[in-house]
Amino acid sequence: MSAQVTVVSVEGLWSPDELAAFLGIPPKTLRDWRFKGYGPSWMKIGKHVRYSPETVRRWLETRHGTTEAA
C-alpha cells in the first residue's frame, strides 16, 4: 500500500509587522506610508491591515532604479 502526499505551498497575506521585517523597516514607517498614500497597496480585512506578497514584490520592482532623493 502506498500513500500519495500532495504539498501545496500557499503564501498568505502579510501583516504590517511581517512586511516591515521583510523590508527591514520599522512598522511605524508602514503606518506613515498608508497615511500619506505611499507604499505598496494594502487591504483591510475586518480591523486588520494586510499586504499581498505579490503586490509588494511588484511595487518593489517599480522602485528599482528611481532617481528620487532618498
C-alpha atoms as a PDB file:
ATOM      1  CA  MET A   1       0.000   0.000   0.000  1.00  0.00           C
ATOM      2  CA  SER A   2       1.426   3.390  -0.960  1.00  0.00           C
ATOM      3  CA  ALA A   3       0.381   6.813   0.199  1.00  0.00           C
ATOM      4  CA  GLN A   4       0.295   9.842  -2.038  1.00  0.00           C
ATOM      5  CA  VAL A   5       1.286  13.127  -0.468  1.00  0.00           C
ATOM      6  CA  THR A   6       0.464  16.441  -2.087  1.00  0.00           C
ATOM      7  CA  VAL A   7       2.286  19.505  -0.855  1.00  0.00           C
ATOM      8  CA  VAL A   8       0.609  22.816  -1.512  1.00  0.00           C
ATOM      9  CA  SER A   9       2.568  25.986  -0.999  1.00  0.00           C
ATOM     10  CA  VAL A  10       0.308  28.896  -0.229  1.00  0.00           C
ATOM     11  CA  GLU A  11       1.771  32.236   0.672  1.00  0.00           C
ATOM     12  CA  GLY A  12      -0.680  34.056   2.866  1.00  0.00           C
ATOM     13  CA  LEU A  13      -1.148  37.752   3.346  1.00  0.00           C
ATOM     14  CA  TRP A  14       1.446  39.670   5.359  1.00  0.00           C
ATOM     15  CA  SER A  15       0.695  41.691   8.452  1.00  0.00           C
ATOM     16  CA  PRO A  16       2.361  45.102   8.762  1.00  0.00           C
ATOM     17  CA  ASP A  17       4.885  43.600  11.205  1.00  0.00           C
ATOM     18  CA  GLU A  18       5.751  40.813   8.752  1.00  0.00           C
ATOM     19  CA  LEU A  19       6.129  43.259   5.864  1.00  0.00           C
ATOM     20  CA  ALA A  20       8.240  45.603   7.995  1.00  0.00           C
ATOM     21  CA  ALA A  21      10.553  42.683   8.821  1.00  0.00           C
ATOM     22  CA  PHE A  22      10.706  41.700   5.130  1.00  0.00           C
ATOM     23  CA  LEU A  23      11.603  45.262   4.102  1.00  0.00           C
ATOM     24  CA  GLY A  24      13.864  45.878   7.102  1.00  0.00           C
ATOM     25  CA  ILE A  25      11.979  48.991   8.181  1.00  0.00           C
ATOM     26  CA  PRO A  26      10.051  49.933  11.346  1.00  0.00           C
ATOM     27  CA  PRO A  27       6.320  49.108  11.356  1.00  0.00           C
ATOM     28  CA  LYS A  28       5.664  52.812  12.066  1.00  0.00           C
ATOM     29  CA  THR A  29       7.068  53.636   8.634  1.00  0.00           C
ATOM     30  CA  LEU A  30       4.348  51.488   7.040  1.00  0.00           C
ATOM     31  CA  ARG A  31       1.692  53.314   9.080  1.00  0.00           C
ATOM     32  CA  ASP A  32       3.103  56.642   7.893  1.00  0.00           C
ATOM     33  CA  TRP A  33       3.143  55.418   4.289  1.00  0.00           C
ATOM     34  CA  ARG A  34      -0.506  54.309   4.486  1.00  0.00           C
ATOM     35  CA  PHE A  35      -1.497  57.704   5.889  1.00  0.00           C
ATOM     36  CA  LYS A  36       0.405  59.509   3.109  1.00  0.00           C
ATOM     37  CA  GLY A  37      -0.860  57.220   0.334  1.00  0.00           C
ATOM     38  CA  TYR A  38       2.616  55.885  -0.377  1.00  0.00           C
ATOM     39  CA  GLY A  39       3.998  52.352  -0.403  1.00  0.00           C
ATOM     40  CA  PRO A  40       2.542  49.078  -1.561  1.00  0.00           C
ATOM     41  CA  SER A  41      -1.202  48.616  -1.831  1.00  0.00           C
ATOM     42  CA  TRP A  42      -2.837  47.254   1.264  1.00  0.00           C
ATOM     43  CA  MET A  43      -6.237  45.950   2.244  1.00  0.00           C
ATOM     44  CA  LYS A  44      -8.244  45.967   5.400  1.00  0.00           C
ATOM     45  CA  ILE A  45      -9.816  42.708   6.487  1.00  0.00           C
ATOM     46  CA  GLY A  46     -12.062  43.483   9.406  1.00  0.00           C
ATOM     47  CA  LYS A  47      -9.851  45.644  11.581  1.00  0.00           C
ATOM     48  CA  HIS A  48      -6.611  44.140  10.279  1.00  0.00           C
ATOM     49  CA  VAL A  49      -4.332  45.655   7.625  1.00  0.00           C
ATOM     50  CA  ARG A  50      -2.812  43.093   5.271  1.00  0.00           C
ATOM     51  CA  TYR A  51      -0.476  43.128   2.270  1.00  0.00           C
ATOM     52  CA  SER A  52      -0.346  40.731  -0.646  1.00  0.00           C
ATOM     53  CA  PRO A  53       3.234  39.458  -1.088  1.00  0.00           C
ATOM     54  CA  GLU A  54       2.784  39.519  -4.878  1.00  0.00           C
ATOM     55  CA  THR A  55       1.642  43.157  -4.806  1.00  0.00           C
ATOM     56  CA  VAL A  56       4.542  44.106  -2.541  1.00  0.00           C
ATOM     57  CA  ARG A  57       7.043  42.478  -4.890  1.00  0.00           C
ATOM     58  CA  ARG A  58       5.553  44.291  -7.908  1.00  0.00           C
ATOM     59  CA  TRP A  59       5.731  47.580  -6.008  1.00  0.00           C
ATOM     60  CA  LEU A  60       9.371  46.912  -5.152  1.00  0.00           C
ATOM     61  CA  GLU A  61      10.151  46.308  -8.829  1.00  0.00           C
ATOM     62  CA  THR A  62       8.788  49.756  -9.654  1.00  0.00           C
ATOM     63  CA  ARG A  63      11.074  51.297  -7.026  1.00  0.00           C
ATOM     64  CA  HIS A  64      14.225  49.868  -8.589  1.00  0.00           C
ATOM     65  CA  GLY A  65      16.416  52.476 -10.210  1.00  0.00           C
ATOM     66  CA  THR A  66      14.380  55.546  -9.326  1.00  0.00           C
ATOM     67  CA  THR A  67      16.037  58.933  -9.227  1.00  0.00           C
ATOM     68  CA  GLU A  68      14.047  60.260  -6.272  1.00  0.00           C
ATOM     69  CA  ALA A  69      16.033  61.797  -3.444  1.00  0.00           C
ATOM     70  CA  ALA A  70      16.412  59.447  -0.508  1.00  0.00           C
END
